[in-house]
């Protein structure tokens, strides 16, 4: 896909959102079912069933997916798609590239060993390694726009309000 094809594909969508802003508000959903016999949750991904469980650092077997890994994987996926879309829109040729994310956790917080230790990631690092011949100023623009338009990155950085509830069924 080139920049013209991308613009042509997105033009009617952008026009609809300009004319009817309420049509741009979409609710994405995720659902999981608690495993009845293991400490795990079966998450419907839309393509397959993902089984999430405890990380080995908290006593898990390592056979199930770790939700922290899944968060980083979602960041990598979104950032990868975003940088491809932005590079296509800008006409920046990428010969190849990789996206990687890593995050630091202190499991003392997760396990309640140390009340002062944070629960969750202390720091997340997202990195792009790109094979391209474009000048640095174009790469700087590519990174800036990828950062601006990556949904998962922006969600993690802005920390939107999250409501939590429990309902007896």
N, C-alpha and C. Protein backbone atom coordinates (compact mmCIF):
# COMPACT_ATOMS: atom_id res chain seq x y z
N UNK A 1 0.85 -1.17 0.00
CA UNK A 1 0.00 0.00 0.00
C UNK A 1 0.89 1.24 0.00
N UNK A 2 0.54 2.22 -0.81
CA UNK A 2 1.30 3.46 -0.82
C UNK A 2 0.46 4.57 -0.18
N UNK A 3 1.04 5.77 -0.11
CA UNK A 3 0.38 6.89 0.56
C UNK A 3 -0.96 7.24 -0.09
N UNK A 4 -1.02 7.20 -1.42
CA UNK A 4 -2.26 7.53 -2.12
C UNK A 4 -3.37 6.52 -1.81
N UNK A 5 -3.01 5.25 -1.77
CA UNK A 5 -4.00 4.21 -1.45
C UNK A 5 -4.49 4.35 0.00
N UNK A 6 -3.58 4.65 0.90
CA UNK A 6 -3.96 4.84 2.29
C UNK A 6 -4.90 6.04 2.44
N UNK A 7 -4.54 7.15 1.80
CA UNK A 7 -5.40 8.34 1.87
C UNK A 7 -6.78 8.06 1.26
N UNK A 8 -6.81 7.36 0.14
CA UNK A 8 -8.08 7.04 -0.52
C UNK A 8 -8.94 6.15 0.37
N UNK A 9 -8.31 5.21 1.05
CA UNK A 9 -9.05 4.31 1.93
C UNK A 9 -9.59 5.06 3.14
N UNK A 10 -8.80 5.98 3.69
CA UNK A 10 -9.20 6.68 4.91
C UNK A 10 -10.03 7.93 4.66
N UNK A 11 -10.01 8.48 3.46
CA UNK A 11 -10.71 9.74 3.18
C UNK A 11 -12.19 9.69 3.52
N UNK A 12 -12.97 8.68 3.08
CA UNK A 12 -14.39 8.69 3.43
C UNK A 12 -14.63 8.51 4.93
N UNK A 13 -13.76 7.80 5.59
CA UNK A 13 -13.90 7.61 7.03
C UNK A 13 -13.66 8.94 7.74
N UNK A 14 -12.58 9.63 7.36
CA UNK A 14 -12.27 10.93 7.96
C UNK A 14 -13.40 11.93 7.71
N UNK A 15 -13.94 11.91 6.51
CA UNK A 15 -15.04 12.82 6.16
C UNK A 15 -16.26 12.55 7.03
N UNK A 16 -16.59 11.27 7.20
CA UNK A 16 -17.74 10.90 8.05
C UNK A 16 -17.52 11.39 9.48
N UNK A 17 -16.31 11.22 10.00
CA UNK A 17 -16.02 11.65 11.37
C UNK A 17 -16.06 13.17 11.51
N UNK A 18 -15.68 13.89 10.46
CA UNK A 18 -15.76 15.35 10.50
C UNK A 18 -17.21 15.80 10.50
N UNK A 19 -18.03 15.16 9.66
CA UNK A 19 -19.44 15.56 9.53
C UNK A 19 -20.32 15.04 10.67
N UNK A 20 -19.94 13.92 11.24
CA UNK A 20 -20.72 13.32 12.33
C UNK A 20 -19.75 12.84 13.40
N UNK A 21 -19.24 13.76 14.22
CA UNK A 21 -18.23 13.40 15.21
C UNK A 21 -18.65 12.24 16.12
N UNK A 22 -19.92 12.13 16.40
CA UNK A 22 -20.39 11.05 17.28
C UNK A 22 -20.14 9.67 16.66
N UNK A 23 -20.04 9.60 15.34
CA UNK A 23 -19.79 8.31 14.69
C UNK A 23 -18.37 7.81 14.92
N UNK A 24 -17.49 8.68 15.39
CA UNK A 24 -16.11 8.29 15.65
C UNK A 24 -15.92 7.68 17.03
N UNK A 25 -16.94 7.79 17.87
CA UNK A 25 -16.84 7.24 19.22
C UNK A 25 -17.27 5.78 19.20
N UNK A 26 -16.32 4.91 19.36
CA UNK A 26 -16.54 3.47 19.28
C UNK A 26 -16.08 2.85 20.59
N UNK A 27 -16.83 1.92 21.10
CA UNK A 27 -16.44 1.21 22.32
C UNK A 27 -15.85 -0.13 21.94
N UNK A 28 -14.57 -0.31 22.26
CA UNK A 28 -13.92 -1.59 22.06
C UNK A 28 -14.17 -2.42 23.32
N UNK A 29 -14.28 -3.71 23.16
CA UNK A 29 -14.61 -4.56 24.30
C UNK A 29 -13.68 -5.77 24.36
N UNK A 30 -13.47 -6.25 25.54
CA UNK A 30 -12.74 -7.49 25.77
C UNK A 30 -13.50 -8.26 26.83
N UNK A 31 -13.46 -9.58 26.72
CA UNK A 31 -14.19 -10.40 27.66
C UNK A 31 -13.39 -11.66 27.96
N UNK A 32 -13.45 -12.10 29.18
CA UNK A 32 -12.76 -13.31 29.58
C UNK A 32 -13.63 -14.12 30.54
N UNK A 33 -13.31 -15.37 30.64
CA UNK A 33 -14.03 -16.27 31.55
C UNK A 33 -13.03 -16.85 32.53
N UNK A 34 -13.36 -16.76 33.82
CA UNK A 34 -12.47 -17.30 34.84
C UNK A 34 -12.41 -18.81 34.72
N UNK A 35 -11.20 -19.34 34.77
CA UNK A 35 -11.01 -20.79 34.72
C UNK A 35 -11.53 -21.37 36.03
N UNK A 36 -12.27 -22.44 35.96
CA UNK A 36 -12.89 -23.02 37.15
C UNK A 36 -11.93 -23.82 38.00
N UNK A 37 -10.82 -24.29 37.43
CA UNK A 37 -9.92 -25.15 38.20
C UNK A 37 -8.51 -24.60 38.37
N UNK A 38 -8.12 -23.61 37.58
CA UNK A 38 -6.77 -23.05 37.66
C UNK A 38 -6.84 -21.55 37.91
N UNK A 39 -5.73 -20.98 38.32
CA UNK A 39 -5.65 -19.53 38.46
C UNK A 39 -5.34 -19.00 37.07
N UNK A 40 -6.40 -18.81 36.29
CA UNK A 40 -6.25 -18.40 34.90
C UNK A 40 -7.54 -17.73 34.44
N UNK A 41 -7.45 -17.01 33.36
CA UNK A 41 -8.60 -16.35 32.75
C UNK A 41 -8.51 -16.56 31.25
N UNK A 42 -9.59 -17.05 30.66
CA UNK A 42 -9.62 -17.31 29.22
C UNK A 42 -10.20 -16.07 28.53
N UNK A 43 -9.35 -15.43 27.75
CA UNK A 43 -9.71 -14.17 27.11
C UNK A 43 -10.03 -14.41 25.64
N UNK A 44 -11.18 -13.89 25.21
CA UNK A 44 -11.57 -13.98 23.81
C UNK A 44 -10.87 -12.86 23.06
N UNK A 45 -10.00 -13.22 22.12
CA UNK A 45 -9.23 -12.20 21.40
C UNK A 45 -9.85 -11.80 20.08
N UNK A 46 -10.88 -12.49 19.65
CA UNK A 46 -11.46 -12.21 18.35
C UNK A 46 -10.89 -13.14 17.28
N UNK A 47 -9.72 -13.69 17.52
CA UNK A 47 -9.09 -14.60 16.58
C UNK A 47 -8.87 -15.98 17.21
N UNK A 48 -8.68 -15.98 18.51
CA UNK A 48 -8.42 -17.23 19.22
C UNK A 48 -8.70 -16.99 20.70
N UNK A 49 -8.57 -18.03 21.47
CA UNK A 49 -8.75 -17.94 22.90
C UNK A 49 -7.36 -17.85 23.53
N UNK A 50 -7.12 -16.82 24.30
CA UNK A 50 -5.85 -16.65 24.99
C UNK A 50 -6.07 -16.96 26.47
N UNK A 51 -5.23 -17.80 27.03
CA UNK A 51 -5.36 -18.14 28.44
C UNK A 51 -4.27 -17.42 29.21
N UNK A 52 -4.69 -16.51 30.08
CA UNK A 52 -3.76 -15.74 30.90
C UNK A 52 -3.69 -16.35 32.29
N UNK A 53 -2.50 -16.36 32.84
CA UNK A 53 -2.31 -16.89 34.18
C UNK A 53 -1.24 -16.12 34.93
N UNK A 54 -0.85 -16.67 36.04
CA UNK A 54 0.19 -16.03 36.86
C UNK A 54 1.55 -16.10 36.17
N UNK A 55 2.30 -15.04 36.31
CA UNK A 55 3.68 -15.02 35.83
C UNK A 55 4.50 -15.95 36.73
N UNK A 56 5.51 -16.61 36.18
CA UNK A 56 6.34 -17.49 37.02
C UNK A 56 6.92 -16.78 38.26
N UNK A 57 7.14 -15.46 38.16
CA UNK A 57 7.68 -14.72 39.31
C UNK A 57 6.68 -14.60 40.45
N UNK A 58 5.41 -14.97 40.17
CA UNK A 58 4.39 -14.95 41.22
C UNK A 58 3.84 -16.35 41.48
N UNK A 59 4.52 -17.36 40.98
CA UNK A 59 4.11 -18.73 41.23
C UNK A 59 3.46 -19.44 40.07
N UNK A 60 3.35 -18.77 38.93
CA UNK A 60 2.73 -19.38 37.76
C UNK A 60 3.64 -20.41 37.10
N UNK A 61 3.02 -21.24 36.28
CA UNK A 61 3.76 -22.29 35.59
C UNK A 61 4.52 -21.79 34.38
N UNK A 62 4.11 -20.64 33.85
CA UNK A 62 4.70 -20.14 32.62
C UNK A 62 4.02 -20.68 31.37
N UNK A 63 3.05 -21.58 31.57
CA UNK A 63 2.33 -22.14 30.43
C UNK A 63 1.26 -21.19 29.90
N UNK A 64 0.71 -20.36 30.79
CA UNK A 64 -0.30 -19.40 30.37
C UNK A 64 0.38 -18.06 30.04
N UNK A 65 -0.34 -17.22 29.34
CA UNK A 65 0.15 -15.89 29.00
C UNK A 65 0.15 -15.02 30.25
N UNK A 66 1.14 -14.17 30.36
CA UNK A 66 1.18 -13.19 31.45
C UNK A 66 0.52 -11.91 30.95
N UNK A 67 -0.38 -11.36 31.74
CA UNK A 67 -1.08 -10.15 31.30
C UNK A 67 -0.12 -8.97 31.12
N UNK A 68 0.97 -8.92 31.88
CA UNK A 68 1.97 -7.88 31.67
C UNK A 68 2.63 -8.01 30.31
N UNK A 69 2.94 -9.26 29.93
CA UNK A 69 3.47 -9.49 28.58
C UNK A 69 2.45 -9.08 27.53
N UNK A 70 1.19 -9.40 27.78
CA UNK A 70 0.13 -9.06 26.82
C UNK A 70 0.01 -7.54 26.65
N UNK A 71 0.20 -6.79 27.73
CA UNK A 71 0.17 -5.33 27.64
C UNK A 71 1.30 -4.84 26.75
N UNK A 72 2.51 -5.38 26.97
CA UNK A 72 3.64 -4.99 26.13
C UNK A 72 3.44 -5.42 24.69
N UNK A 73 2.86 -6.59 24.49
CA UNK A 73 2.58 -7.07 23.13
C UNK A 73 1.56 -6.17 22.44
N UNK A 74 0.56 -5.70 23.18
CA UNK A 74 -0.42 -4.78 22.60
C UNK A 74 0.26 -3.46 22.21
N UNK A 75 1.17 -3.00 23.05
CA UNK A 75 1.92 -1.78 22.74
C UNK A 75 2.76 -1.96 21.48
N UNK A 76 3.48 -3.08 21.39
CA UNK A 76 4.30 -3.36 20.21
C UNK A 76 3.43 -3.45 18.96
N UNK A 77 2.31 -4.14 19.06
CA UNK A 77 1.42 -4.30 17.91
C UNK A 77 0.89 -2.95 17.44
N UNK A 78 0.39 -2.16 18.37
CA UNK A 78 -0.18 -0.86 18.01
C UNK A 78 0.90 0.07 17.46
N UNK A 79 2.05 0.11 18.12
CA UNK A 79 3.13 0.98 17.66
C UNK A 79 3.64 0.54 16.29
N UNK A 80 3.71 -0.77 16.07
CA UNK A 80 4.15 -1.27 14.77
C UNK A 80 3.19 -0.90 13.65
N UNK A 81 1.91 -1.07 13.89
CA UNK A 81 0.90 -0.69 12.89
C UNK A 81 0.92 0.81 12.66
N UNK A 82 1.05 1.57 13.74
CA UNK A 82 1.05 3.03 13.63
C UNK A 82 2.25 3.53 12.84
N UNK A 83 3.45 3.01 13.14
CA UNK A 83 4.64 3.50 12.43
C UNK A 83 4.58 3.12 10.94
N UNK A 84 3.97 1.96 10.64
CA UNK A 84 3.80 1.58 9.23
C UNK A 84 2.82 2.51 8.53
N UNK A 85 1.72 2.83 9.20
CA UNK A 85 0.72 3.73 8.60
C UNK A 85 1.31 5.12 8.40
N UNK A 86 2.02 5.62 9.41
CA UNK A 86 2.61 6.96 9.31
C UNK A 86 3.69 6.99 8.24
N UNK A 87 4.55 5.97 8.20
CA UNK A 87 5.60 5.95 7.17
C UNK A 87 4.99 5.88 5.78
N UNK A 88 3.91 5.12 5.65
CA UNK A 88 3.23 5.03 4.35
C UNK A 88 2.64 6.38 3.97
N UNK A 89 1.97 7.03 4.92
CA UNK A 89 1.35 8.33 4.65
C UNK A 89 2.40 9.38 4.28
N UNK A 90 3.58 9.31 4.89
CA UNK A 90 4.63 10.29 4.61
C UNK A 90 5.51 9.90 3.44
N UNK A 91 5.30 8.71 2.90
CA UNK A 91 6.13 8.25 1.79
C UNK A 91 7.54 7.89 2.22
N UNK A 92 7.69 7.47 3.47
CA UNK A 92 9.00 7.07 3.98
C UNK A 92 9.16 5.57 3.75
N UNK A 93 10.16 5.21 2.96
CA UNK A 93 10.39 3.81 2.64
C UNK A 93 11.13 3.13 3.79
N UNK A 94 10.55 2.06 4.30
CA UNK A 94 11.19 1.24 5.33
C UNK A 94 11.52 -0.10 4.70
N UNK A 95 12.80 -0.43 4.66
CA UNK A 95 13.20 -1.73 4.11
C UNK A 95 12.78 -2.86 5.04
N UNK A 96 12.98 -2.64 6.32
CA UNK A 96 12.56 -3.60 7.34
C UNK A 96 12.58 -2.89 8.68
N UNK A 97 12.07 -3.55 9.68
CA UNK A 97 12.09 -2.94 11.01
C UNK A 97 11.57 -3.88 12.07
N UNK A 98 11.95 -3.60 13.28
CA UNK A 98 11.43 -4.33 14.43
C UNK A 98 10.97 -3.32 15.47
N UNK A 99 10.01 -3.76 16.27
CA UNK A 99 9.50 -2.96 17.38
C UNK A 99 9.65 -3.82 18.62
N UNK A 100 10.18 -3.23 19.68
CA UNK A 100 10.31 -3.99 20.92
C UNK A 100 9.90 -3.13 22.10
N UNK A 101 9.36 -3.78 23.10
CA UNK A 101 8.97 -3.10 24.33
C UNK A 101 9.44 -3.95 25.49
N UNK A 102 9.93 -3.30 26.50
CA UNK A 102 10.28 -4.00 27.73
C UNK A 102 9.86 -3.12 28.89
N UNK A 103 9.50 -3.76 29.97
CA UNK A 103 9.03 -3.03 31.14
C UNK A 103 9.57 -3.66 32.40
N UNK A 104 9.83 -2.82 33.39
CA UNK A 104 10.38 -3.27 34.66
C UNK A 104 9.27 -3.37 35.71
N UNK A 105 9.21 -4.53 36.35
CA UNK A 105 8.24 -4.79 37.42
C UNK A 105 8.98 -5.18 38.69
N UNK A 106 8.45 -4.78 39.81
CA UNK A 106 8.95 -5.23 41.11
C UNK A 106 7.85 -6.11 41.69
N UNK A 107 8.05 -7.41 41.63
CA UNK A 107 7.00 -8.34 42.05
C UNK A 107 6.76 -8.35 43.55
N UNK A 108 7.59 -7.64 44.33
CA UNK A 108 7.30 -7.52 45.76
C UNK A 108 5.98 -6.79 45.97
N UNK A 109 5.71 -5.81 45.09
CA UNK A 109 4.44 -5.08 45.19
C UNK A 109 3.26 -5.95 44.83
N UNK A 110 3.40 -6.70 43.73
CA UNK A 110 2.32 -7.57 43.26
C UNK A 110 1.96 -8.63 44.30
N UNK A 111 2.95 -9.16 44.99
CA UNK A 111 2.72 -10.22 45.97
C UNK A 111 2.48 -9.69 47.38
N UNK A 112 2.50 -8.36 47.55
CA UNK A 112 2.24 -7.78 48.86
C UNK A 112 3.36 -8.02 49.86
N UNK A 113 4.58 -8.28 49.37
CA UNK A 113 5.73 -8.51 50.23
C UNK A 113 6.22 -7.20 50.84
N UNK A 114 6.13 -6.14 50.04
CA UNK A 114 6.58 -4.82 50.47
C UNK A 114 5.52 -3.80 50.08
N UNK A 115 4.87 -3.22 51.08
CA UNK A 115 3.78 -2.27 50.81
C UNK A 115 4.27 -1.01 50.10
N UNK A 116 5.57 -0.73 50.17
CA UNK A 116 6.13 0.45 49.51
C UNK A 116 6.48 0.16 48.04
N UNK A 117 6.61 -1.10 47.70
CA UNK A 117 6.96 -1.46 46.32
C UNK A 117 5.73 -1.24 45.43
N UNK A 118 5.90 -0.58 44.28
CA UNK A 118 4.76 -0.32 43.41
C UNK A 118 4.21 -1.61 42.79
N UNK A 119 2.92 -1.59 42.53
CA UNK A 119 2.29 -2.66 41.77
C UNK A 119 2.16 -2.12 40.34
N UNK A 120 2.66 -2.85 39.40
CA UNK A 120 2.63 -2.40 38.01
C UNK A 120 4.02 -2.05 37.51
N UNK A 121 4.06 -1.65 36.26
CA UNK A 121 5.33 -1.33 35.63
C UNK A 121 5.91 -0.04 36.21
N UNK A 122 7.20 -0.09 36.52
CA UNK A 122 7.92 1.11 36.95
C UNK A 122 8.29 1.95 35.75
N UNK A 123 8.68 1.27 34.68
CA UNK A 123 9.12 1.95 33.47
C UNK A 123 8.88 1.01 32.29
N UNK A 124 8.48 1.59 31.17
CA UNK A 124 8.32 0.85 29.92
C UNK A 124 9.16 1.55 28.87
N UNK A 125 9.90 0.75 28.10
CA UNK A 125 10.73 1.29 27.03
C UNK A 125 10.27 0.69 25.70
N UNK A 126 9.95 1.55 24.76
CA UNK A 126 9.51 1.15 23.43
C UNK A 126 10.59 1.57 22.44
N UNK A 127 11.01 0.63 21.58
CA UNK A 127 12.10 0.94 20.65
C UNK A 127 11.77 0.44 19.26
N UNK A 128 12.13 1.26 18.27
CA UNK A 128 12.01 0.91 16.86
C UNK A 128 13.42 0.78 16.30
N UNK A 129 13.69 -0.31 15.62
CA UNK A 129 14.94 -0.48 14.88
C UNK A 129 14.56 -0.58 13.41
N UNK A 130 14.89 0.46 12.64
CA UNK A 130 14.44 0.55 11.26
C UNK A 130 15.60 0.55 10.29
N UNK A 131 15.44 -0.17 9.20
CA UNK A 131 16.39 -0.16 8.10
C UNK A 131 15.79 0.75 7.03
N UNK A 132 16.36 1.93 6.90
CA UNK A 132 15.85 2.92 5.95
C UNK A 132 16.97 3.87 5.55
N UNK A 133 16.80 4.51 4.42
CA UNK A 133 17.81 5.45 3.92
C UNK A 133 17.38 6.91 4.08
N UNK A 134 16.24 7.16 4.71
CA UNK A 134 15.75 8.53 4.82
C UNK A 134 16.59 9.32 5.82
N UNK A 135 16.66 10.64 5.64
CA UNK A 135 17.45 11.47 6.55
C UNK A 135 16.85 11.49 7.97
N UNK A 136 17.68 11.87 8.92
CA UNK A 136 17.30 11.86 10.33
C UNK A 136 16.07 12.73 10.62
N UNK A 137 15.96 13.89 9.95
CA UNK A 137 14.81 14.76 10.22
C UNK A 137 13.49 14.06 9.87
N UNK A 138 13.50 13.22 8.85
CA UNK A 138 12.30 12.45 8.48
C UNK A 138 12.01 11.38 9.54
N UNK A 139 13.07 10.75 10.05
CA UNK A 139 12.89 9.75 11.11
C UNK A 139 12.37 10.39 12.39
N UNK A 140 12.85 11.60 12.69
CA UNK A 140 12.36 12.33 13.86
C UNK A 140 10.86 12.62 13.72
N UNK A 141 10.45 13.03 12.52
CA UNK A 141 9.04 13.29 12.25
C UNK A 141 8.23 12.01 12.35
N UNK A 142 8.77 10.93 11.83
CA UNK A 142 8.10 9.63 11.89
C UNK A 142 7.87 9.20 13.34
N UNK A 143 8.89 9.34 14.17
CA UNK A 143 8.76 8.97 15.58
C UNK A 143 7.75 9.87 16.30
N UNK A 144 7.82 11.17 16.04
CA UNK A 144 6.91 12.12 16.69
C UNK A 144 5.46 11.80 16.34
N UNK A 145 5.18 11.53 15.07
CA UNK A 145 3.80 11.24 14.67
C UNK A 145 3.35 9.86 15.14
N UNK A 146 4.25 8.91 15.18
CA UNK A 146 3.91 7.58 15.71
C UNK A 146 3.55 7.70 17.17
N UNK A 147 4.32 8.45 17.92
CA UNK A 147 4.03 8.68 19.34
C UNK A 147 2.66 9.35 19.49
N UNK A 148 2.38 10.31 18.64
CA UNK A 148 1.13 11.06 18.74
C UNK A 148 -0.09 10.20 18.43
N UNK A 149 0.01 9.29 17.47
CA UNK A 149 -1.16 8.57 16.99
C UNK A 149 -1.27 7.12 17.46
N UNK A 150 -0.32 6.63 18.22
CA UNK A 150 -0.40 5.25 18.72
C UNK A 150 -1.36 5.19 19.90
N UNK A 151 -2.48 4.53 19.71
CA UNK A 151 -3.54 4.47 20.71
C UNK A 151 -3.07 3.87 22.03
N UNK A 152 -2.39 2.74 21.98
CA UNK A 152 -1.97 2.08 23.21
C UNK A 152 -0.91 2.92 23.93
N UNK A 153 0.04 3.46 23.19
CA UNK A 153 1.06 4.32 23.79
C UNK A 153 0.41 5.51 24.49
N UNK A 154 -0.48 6.19 23.79
CA UNK A 154 -1.14 7.36 24.38
C UNK A 154 -1.99 7.00 25.59
N UNK A 155 -2.63 5.83 25.54
CA UNK A 155 -3.45 5.39 26.67
C UNK A 155 -2.58 5.15 27.89
N UNK A 156 -1.45 4.48 27.69
CA UNK A 156 -0.54 4.22 28.80
C UNK A 156 0.01 5.54 29.36
N UNK A 157 0.39 6.44 28.48
CA UNK A 157 0.99 7.71 28.92
C UNK A 157 -0.01 8.64 29.60
N UNK A 158 -1.23 8.69 29.10
CA UNK A 158 -2.19 9.66 29.64
C UNK A 158 -2.97 9.12 30.83
N UNK A 159 -2.97 7.82 31.02
CA UNK A 159 -3.64 7.24 32.18
C UNK A 159 -5.10 7.69 32.31
N UNK A 160 -5.95 7.29 31.37
CA UNK A 160 -7.36 7.71 31.43
C UNK A 160 -8.05 7.11 32.66
N UNK A 161 -9.15 7.71 33.07
CA UNK A 161 -9.89 7.14 34.20
C UNK A 161 -10.33 5.71 33.87
N UNK A 162 -10.21 4.83 34.82
CA UNK A 162 -10.64 3.45 34.66
C UNK A 162 -11.62 3.14 35.79
N UNK A 163 -12.81 2.75 35.42
CA UNK A 163 -13.82 2.40 36.43
C UNK A 163 -13.76 0.90 36.67
N UNK A 164 -13.91 0.50 37.90
CA UNK A 164 -13.90 -0.92 38.25
C UNK A 164 -15.15 -1.21 39.06
N UNK A 165 -15.76 -2.35 38.81
CA UNK A 165 -16.97 -2.72 39.55
C UNK A 165 -17.02 -4.22 39.72
N UNK A 166 -17.88 -4.66 40.58
CA UNK A 166 -18.10 -6.07 40.82
C UNK A 166 -19.59 -6.29 40.95
N UNK A 167 -20.11 -7.29 40.26
CA UNK A 167 -21.54 -7.57 40.30
C UNK A 167 -21.74 -9.06 40.59
N UNK A 168 -22.59 -9.33 41.51
CA UNK A 168 -22.92 -10.71 41.81
C UNK A 168 -23.89 -11.22 40.75
N UNK A 169 -23.63 -12.43 40.19
CA UNK A 169 -24.54 -12.98 39.19
C UNK A 169 -25.20 -14.24 39.70
